[in-house]
Amino acid sequence: MANMAQAVRMALHYGETHLDVVDIFGQDVGPPLGGVFTATQGLKTTWNTPLDERGIIGMAMGIALAGERCVAEIQFCDYIFNTIDLLKIAGNTCWVSNGNYSMPMVVMTPAGAGIHGSVYHSHSFDAWATRLAGWKVVMPSNPLDAYGLMLSAIADPNPVLYLKPKALLRVRGEDLIPGEPQDEKQLKSMIDAPLGDRRRWKPQWPELEDYRVPLGQAKITRSGEALTLVSYGRTLPICNKVADELLKEKGVAIEVIDLRSLIPYDWASVLSSARKTKRVIFVNEDTEVTNFGEHLAYRCTQELFYELLARPRVVAGKNLPGIGLHPHLEENSVPQIKDIRQAVLDTLAEVP
């Protein structure tokens, strides 16, 4: 099975081969490195930019305004903050032009903690991203969704921010990407560049198929009636693990929803599940103040106040300026399995 970095790479190959992607660019995106997480190795249309985030976003906007499709990368989301004004302009261009100018660009960037990157390589950006009007925002939790969301993002006429969970980029999936060989060693030999001199290396791409995850469509990854966990990205597999443990240990069936798309988000699925279980927790690793989960919890409170058996909760990262380098500092800054499990048990214990 492919890992998430390989899945993104295969999606980008499909995009430049079948979906009219003409440029894939960013710092170290082109040869010889192919991205710091190797997500752009071996692609035909990649090229390296200077270390200039504003230049990268401005170039993507220009290509999109010219009517062509591109994928730009900000090497780490920690360095995207100096482009906020440009991101706002990219998001409102279609609206202010009364629909005369679309912006078919994808900006992908690794986000979140989990690689012990300390202050400058552990930021989350999902809450900030959801405030960028006019943008669509996605964050996969597994390789198959990473592939399908990227194809949908490329094909969309709007600007799409594609957040790659840093901690999951080397995690292998449980489902084959359509066209992927079953033997993961075979896939590695086909599309992973060898160590050392790569000047003569060329990938042997499998016959990949068009597989898309619709933007704005969530997925139920665990079914249950006792409580709803809503998450995305890095914390989604942790929520699955909590649900599996509690089902095995206590016979408690927890429903887990993978949002996949933050904007637009699948409110109908969240509402239906929360109405069924009558208890809901929102989980992500961004900081707890002005967290995207707070918005979802607020909507639940407003629309389901008289139906819920317990108050909606948000499990999120601590409200700190950054994340420390030591593993203990990181583990105590963002949600761990014990934190999510305790929140679930506390919510189940609440009585109206």
Protein backbone atom coordinates (compact mmCIF):
# COMPACT_ATOMS: atom_id res chain seq x y z
CA MET A 1 0.00 0.00 0.00
CA ALA A 2 1.18 3.51 -0.81
CA ASN A 3 2.01 5.98 1.93
CA MET A 4 0.48 9.46 1.83
CA ALA A 5 3.50 11.12 0.21
CA GLN A 6 3.43 8.53 -2.58
CA ALA A 7 -0.33 9.00 -2.95
CA VAL A 8 0.05 12.76 -3.37
CA ARG A 9 2.84 12.18 -5.91
CA MET A 10 0.71 9.78 -7.93
CA ALA A 11 -2.22 12.21 -7.85
CA LEU A 12 0.02 15.00 -9.13
CA HIS A 13 1.27 12.73 -11.90
CA TYR A 14 -2.31 11.99 -12.87
CA GLY A 15 -3.05 15.70 -12.73
CA GLU A 16 -0.24 16.70 -15.07
CA THR A 17 -1.05 13.81 -17.42
CA HIS A 18 -4.87 14.00 -17.52
CA LEU A 19 -6.12 17.15 -15.79
CA ASP A 20 -4.12 19.87 -17.56
CA VAL A 21 -1.77 20.77 -14.70
CA VAL A 22 0.99 22.81 -16.36
CA ASP A 23 3.16 23.76 -13.37
CA ILE A 24 4.02 22.21 -10.00
CA PHE A 25 6.43 24.42 -8.12
CA GLY A 26 7.82 25.57 -4.79
CA GLN A 27 10.97 25.50 -2.72
CA ASP A 28 12.88 22.24 -3.46
CA VAL A 29 9.81 20.84 -5.26
CA GLY A 30 11.75 20.07 -8.45
CA PRO A 31 14.77 17.82 -8.95
CA PRO A 32 16.90 16.58 -7.37
CA LEU A 33 15.01 16.59 -4.05
CA GLY A 34 11.39 16.36 -5.15
CA GLY A 35 10.07 18.03 -2.01
CA VAL A 36 11.21 17.67 1.60
CA PHE A 37 8.71 14.82 2.00
CA THR A 38 9.38 13.45 -1.55
CA ALA A 39 5.80 14.20 -2.64
CA THR A 40 6.91 15.65 -6.00
CA GLN A 41 9.68 13.26 -7.07
CA GLY A 42 9.81 12.33 -10.75
CA LEU A 43 7.05 14.65 -11.98
CA LYS A 44 7.38 16.27 -15.41
CA THR A 45 6.22 19.82 -14.66
CA THR A 46 8.02 20.52 -11.36
CA TRP A 47 10.45 23.38 -10.86
CA ASN A 48 12.23 25.02 -7.95
CA THR A 49 11.48 28.53 -6.74
CA PRO A 50 13.53 30.84 -4.54
CA LEU A 51 12.77 30.84 -0.83
CA ASP A 52 9.94 33.33 -1.33
CA GLU A 53 6.47 32.34 -0.14
CA ARG A 54 4.87 35.53 -1.45
CA GLY A 55 6.46 34.94 -4.83
CA ILE A 56 5.15 31.36 -4.90
CA ILE A 57 1.56 32.43 -4.16
CA GLY A 58 1.78 35.39 -6.56
CA MET A 59 3.05 33.13 -9.34
CA ALA A 60 0.21 30.65 -8.73
CA MET A 61 -2.33 33.46 -8.92
CA GLY A 62 -0.87 34.68 -12.20
CA ILE A 63 -0.93 31.22 -13.77
CA ALA A 64 -4.52 30.70 -12.61
CA LEU A 65 -5.65 34.09 -13.92
CA ALA A 66 -4.14 33.15 -17.26
CA GLY A 67 -6.57 30.22 -17.34
CA GLU A 68 -4.13 27.40 -16.59
CA ARG A 69 -3.99 24.96 -13.71
CA CYS A 70 -1.10 24.77 -11.28
CA VAL A 71 -0.14 23.28 -7.93
CA ALA A 72 2.10 25.37 -5.69
CA GLU A 73 3.73 24.23 -2.48
CA ILE A 74 4.67 26.17 0.63
CA GLN A 75 7.34 23.92 2.09
CA PHE A 76 5.86 24.10 5.61
CA CYS A 77 2.64 25.82 6.63
CA ASP A 78 4.66 27.53 9.35
CA TYR A 79 5.92 29.90 6.62
CA ILE A 80 2.63 30.68 4.91
CA PHE A 81 1.58 33.44 7.30
CA ASN A 82 3.35 36.20 5.37
CA THR A 83 1.10 35.46 2.37
CA ILE A 84 -2.25 36.04 4.10
CA ASP A 85 -3.07 39.19 2.13
CA LEU A 86 -2.41 37.39 -1.17
CA LEU A 87 -4.47 34.42 -0.08
CA LYS A 88 -7.36 36.78 0.70
CA ILE A 89 -7.11 38.31 -2.78
CA ALA A 90 -6.99 34.87 -4.42
CA GLY A 91 -10.10 33.90 -2.47
CA ASN A 92 -12.16 36.94 -3.36
CA THR A 93 -11.18 37.30 -7.03
CA CYS A 94 -14.10 35.30 -8.44
CA TRP A 95 -16.55 37.16 -6.20
CA VAL A 96 -15.31 40.68 -6.87
CA SER A 97 -15.16 39.99 -10.62
CA ASN A 98 -18.80 38.82 -10.61
CA GLY A 99 -17.66 35.38 -11.72
CA ASN A 100 -15.62 36.57 -14.69
CA TYR A 101 -12.31 35.30 -13.30
CA SER A 102 -11.93 31.92 -11.65
CA MET A 103 -8.83 30.87 -9.75
CA PRO A 104 -8.05 27.18 -10.51
CA MET A 105 -5.00 26.87 -8.27
CA VAL A 106 -4.04 24.40 -5.55
CA VAL A 107 -1.73 25.39 -2.71
CA MET A 108 -0.45 22.38 -0.79
CA THR A 109 1.51 22.62 2.43
CA PRO A 110 2.48 20.22 5.24
CA ALA A 111 0.69 21.11 8.48
CA GLY A 112 0.66 20.14 12.13
CA ALA A 113 3.00 18.52 14.62
CA GLY A 114 4.23 14.96 14.93
CA ILE A 115 7.73 15.22 13.44
CA HIS A 116 9.37 16.94 16.45
CA GLY A 117 9.95 20.06 14.40
CA SER A 118 9.85 22.46 17.35
CA VAL A 119 8.64 26.04 17.06
CA TYR A 120 9.18 26.59 13.33
CA HIS A 121 7.96 23.29 11.90
CA SER A 122 4.99 22.27 14.04
CA HIS A 123 2.27 24.84 13.34
CA SER A 124 -1.26 23.98 12.33
CA PHE A 125 -3.03 26.16 9.78
CA ASP A 126 -6.52 24.69 9.53
CA ALA A 127 -8.28 27.27 11.72
CA TRP A 128 -6.61 30.14 9.87
CA ALA A 129 -7.46 28.54 6.53
CA THR A 130 -11.18 28.27 7.29
CA ARG A 131 -11.29 32.07 7.66
CA LEU A 132 -10.06 32.64 4.09
CA ALA A 133 -13.33 33.34 2.29
CA GLY A 134 -13.46 31.97 -1.24
CA TRP A 135 -11.03 29.11 -0.58
CA LYS A 136 -11.86 25.45 -0.28
CA VAL A 137 -9.83 23.62 2.36
CA VAL A 138 -9.10 19.89 2.57
CA MET A 139 -7.04 17.70 4.89
CA PRO A 140 -6.78 13.94 4.27
CA SER A 141 -6.19 11.31 6.93
CA ASN A 142 -5.13 8.41 4.69
CA PRO A 143 -3.44 7.84 1.32
CA LEU A 144 -6.55 6.92 -0.69
CA ASP A 145 -8.33 10.09 0.38
CA ALA A 146 -5.13 12.05 -0.23
CA TYR A 147 -5.19 10.86 -3.83
CA GLY A 148 -8.91 11.47 -4.34
CA LEU A 149 -8.95 14.88 -2.68
CA MET A 150 -6.00 16.07 -4.76
CA LEU A 151 -7.71 15.15 -8.03
CA SER A 152 -10.87 16.96 -6.93
CA ALA A 153 -8.83 19.97 -5.83
CA ILE A 154 -7.03 20.17 -9.17
CA ALA A 155 -10.29 19.99 -11.13
CA ASP A 156 -12.06 22.63 -9.02
CA PRO A 157 -12.30 26.16 -10.48
CA ASN A 158 -11.78 27.70 -7.04
CA PRO A 159 -8.53 28.06 -5.10
CA VAL A 160 -8.04 25.01 -2.88
CA LEU A 161 -5.75 24.78 0.13
CA TYR A 162 -4.51 21.22 0.49
CA LEU A 163 -3.17 20.58 3.99
CA LYS A 164 -0.90 17.55 4.28
CA PRO A 165 -0.60 16.18 7.84
CA LYS A 166 3.15 16.02 8.47
CA ALA A 167 2.89 13.09 10.85
CA LEU A 168 0.95 10.94 8.35
CA LEU A 169 3.02 11.44 5.20
CA ARG A 170 5.01 8.24 5.80
CA VAL A 171 2.04 6.18 7.02
CA ARG A 172 0.81 3.49 4.65
CA GLY A 173 -2.84 3.13 3.80
CA GLU A 174 -5.24 0.23 4.14
CA ASP A 175 -6.79 0.59 0.67
CA LEU A 176 -5.16 0.41 -2.74
CA ILE A 177 -5.23 3.50 -4.91
CA PRO A 178 -6.88 2.56 -8.23
CA GLY A 179 -4.07 1.40 -10.50
CA GLU A 180 -1.51 0.99 -7.70
CA PRO A 181 0.35 -2.36 -7.67
CA GLN A 182 -0.47 -4.53 -4.66
CA ASP A 183 3.18 -5.08 -3.74
CA GLU A 184 4.44 -1.98 -1.91
CA LYS A 185 8.05 -2.90 -2.72
CA GLN A 186 7.16 -2.92 -6.39
CA LEU A 187 5.58 0.52 -6.08
CA LYS A 188 8.66 1.83 -4.30
CA SER A 189 10.94 0.51 -7.05
CA MET A 190 8.73 2.17 -9.65
CA ILE A 191 8.23 5.68 -8.27
CA ASP A 192 10.70 6.31 -5.41
CA ALA A 193 13.99 7.88 -6.47
CA PRO A 194 17.10 5.94 -5.35
CA LEU A 195 19.61 7.38 -2.93
CA GLY A 196 22.67 8.99 -4.46
CA ASP A 197 22.94 10.18 -8.04
CA ARG A 198 19.43 10.61 -9.49
CA ARG A 199 20.29 12.41 -12.71
CA ARG A 200 19.44 9.45 -14.94
CA TRP A 201 16.56 8.10 -12.87
CA LYS A 202 13.06 8.18 -14.31
CA PRO A 203 9.93 6.86 -12.60
CA GLN A 204 7.85 4.05 -14.06
CA TRP A 205 4.35 5.21 -13.28
CA PRO A 206 1.58 2.61 -12.80
CA GLU A 207 -1.60 2.93 -14.87
CA LEU A 208 -3.43 5.13 -12.41
CA GLU A 209 -7.17 5.69 -12.58
CA ASP A 210 -9.41 8.69 -12.02
CA TYR A 211 -10.63 8.44 -8.42
CA ARG A 212 -12.08 11.52 -6.71
CA VAL A 213 -13.29 12.30 -3.23
CA PRO A 214 -15.94 15.02 -3.62
CA LEU A 215 -15.07 18.21 -1.78
CA GLY A 216 -17.48 18.71 1.10
CA GLN A 217 -18.26 15.03 1.64
CA ALA A 218 -17.38 13.47 5.01
CA LYS A 219 -16.89 9.76 5.68
CA ILE A 220 -18.01 7.64 8.62
CA THR A 221 -14.98 5.55 9.58
CA ARG A 222 -16.53 3.87 12.63
CA SER A 223 -20.26 3.38 13.26
CA GLY A 224 -21.84 3.71 16.67
CA GLU A 225 -24.71 5.03 18.78
CA ALA A 226 -23.06 6.14 22.03
CA LEU A 227 -21.17 9.26 20.96
CA THR A 228 -19.87 11.05 17.84
CA LEU A 229 -16.22 11.95 17.32
CA VAL A 230 -15.63 14.42 14.47
CA SER A 231 -12.07 14.89 13.26
CA TYR A 232 -9.73 15.12 10.26
CA GLY A 233 -6.06 14.83 9.39
CA ARG A 234 -3.61 13.55 11.98
CA THR A 235 -6.10 13.13 14.83
CA LEU A 236 -8.56 11.05 12.81
CA PRO A 237 -6.61 7.75 13.13
CA ILE A 238 -6.28 8.43 16.87
CA CYS A 239 -10.06 8.81 17.13
CA ASN A 240 -10.47 5.52 15.28
CA LYS A 241 -8.14 3.86 17.78
CA VAL A 242 -10.10 5.25 20.74
CA ALA A 243 -13.33 3.95 19.23
CA ASP A 244 -11.82 0.50 18.63
CA GLU A 245 -10.46 0.28 22.19
CA LEU A 246 -13.71 1.32 23.86
CA LEU A 247 -15.72 -1.10 21.74
CA LYS A 248 -13.39 -3.95 22.70
CA GLU A 249 -13.01 -3.03 26.38
CA LYS A 250 -16.46 -1.69 27.29
CA GLY A 251 -18.75 -2.60 24.41
CA VAL A 252 -19.32 1.10 23.74
CA ALA A 253 -19.85 1.90 20.06
CA ILE A 254 -18.43 5.30 19.11
CA GLU A 255 -19.19 6.87 15.72
CA VAL A 256 -16.18 8.54 14.05
CA ILE A 257 -16.58 11.04 11.22
CA ASP A 258 -13.68 12.07 9.00
CA LEU A 259 -14.59 15.52 7.68
CA ARG A 260 -11.92 15.38 4.92
CA SER A 261 -13.10 18.82 3.72
CA LEU A 262 -13.10 21.71 6.17
CA ILE A 263 -14.55 24.18 3.68
CA PRO A 264 -17.10 23.26 2.51
CA TYR A 265 -17.83 20.88 5.35
CA ASP A 266 -20.44 18.14 5.45
CA TRP A 267 -22.75 19.55 8.09
CA ALA A 268 -25.55 17.16 7.15
CA SER A 269 -23.43 14.15 8.19
CA VAL A 270 -22.35 15.79 11.45
CA LEU A 271 -25.90 16.82 12.29
CA SER A 272 -27.34 13.41 11.49
CA SER A 273 -24.78 11.58 13.62
CA ALA A 274 -25.01 13.99 16.58
CA ARG A 275 -28.79 13.76 16.47
CA LYS A 276 -28.47 9.96 16.61
CA THR A 277 -25.86 9.67 19.38
CA LYS A 278 -26.83 12.86 21.27
CA ARG A 279 -23.21 13.37 22.33
CA VAL A 280 -20.50 14.92 20.17
CA ILE A 281 -16.80 15.81 20.46
CA PHE A 282 -14.72 17.69 17.89
CA VAL A 283 -11.02 16.81 17.75
CA ASN A 284 -8.08 18.44 15.98
CA GLU A 285 -4.52 19.55 16.81
CA ASP A 286 -4.80 23.29 16.14
CA THR A 287 -4.72 25.59 19.17
CA GLU A 288 -7.87 25.64 21.27
CA VAL A 289 -8.66 29.38 21.08
CA THR A 290 -10.63 30.29 17.91
CA ASN A 291 -10.37 26.67 16.84
CA PHE A 292 -12.40 25.43 13.87
CA GLY A 293 -13.92 22.81 16.17
CA GLU A 294 -15.36 25.63 18.28
CA HIS A 295 -17.41 26.78 15.29
CA LEU A 296 -18.78 23.26 14.78
CA ALA A 297 -19.53 22.92 18.50
CA TYR A 298 -21.34 26.27 18.42
CA ARG A 299 -23.51 25.11 15.51
CA CYS A 300 -24.35 21.92 17.37
CA THR A 301 -25.33 23.91 20.44
CA GLN A 302 -27.50 26.27 18.41
CA GLU A 303 -29.26 23.60 16.36
CA LEU A 304 -29.39 20.63 18.76
CA PHE A 305 -29.52 22.26 22.19
CA TYR A 306 -32.71 20.51 23.29
CA GLU A 307 -31.76 17.15 21.77
CA LEU A 308 -28.26 16.59 23.15
CA LEU A 309 -27.67 14.66 26.38
CA ALA A 310 -24.31 16.33 27.06
CA ARG A 311 -22.57 19.56 26.09
CA PRO A 312 -20.49 19.45 22.90
CA ARG A 313 -16.76 19.38 23.60
CA VAL A 314 -13.63 20.36 21.67
CA VAL A 315 -10.34 18.51 22.16
CA ALA A 316 -7.56 20.60 20.62
CA GLY A 317 -3.98 21.79 21.03
CA LYS A 318 -2.94 23.97 23.94
CA ASN A 319 -3.08 27.74 23.42
CA LEU A 320 0.69 28.19 23.25
CA PRO A 321 2.95 30.35 21.05
CA GLY A 322 4.60 27.22 19.70
CA ILE A 323 5.56 23.62 20.34
CA GLY A 324 8.82 22.73 22.08
CA LEU A 325 11.44 20.41 20.64
CA HIS A 326 11.47 17.83 23.44
CA PRO A 327 9.02 14.98 22.79
CA HIS A 328 7.35 15.56 26.19
CA LEU A 329 6.67 19.17 25.28
CA GLU A 330 5.11 18.21 21.96
CA GLU A 331 3.05 15.37 23.43
CA ASN A 332 1.60 17.74 26.03
CA SER A 333 0.85 20.43 23.46
CA VAL A 334 -1.37 18.52 21.03
CA PRO A 335 -4.07 15.87 21.67
CA GLN A 336 -2.91 12.34 22.40
CA ILE A 337 -4.97 9.17 22.64
CA LYS A 338 -5.32 9.54 26.43
CA ASP A 339 -6.77 13.04 26.04
CA ILE A 340 -9.39 11.95 23.50
CA ARG A 341 -10.25 8.83 25.46
CA GLN A 342 -10.74 10.82 28.67
CA ALA A 343 -12.94 13.37 26.91
CA VAL A 344 -15.08 10.53 25.56
CA LEU A 345 -15.45 8.89 28.98
CA ASP A 346 -16.26 12.22 30.64
CA THR A 347 -18.90 13.01 28.03
CA LEU A 348 -20.45 9.56 28.31
CA ALA A 349 -20.64 10.05 32.09
CA GLU A 350 -22.59 13.30 31.80
CA VAL A 351 -26.29 13.04 32.53
CA PRO A 352 -28.90 15.65 31.62
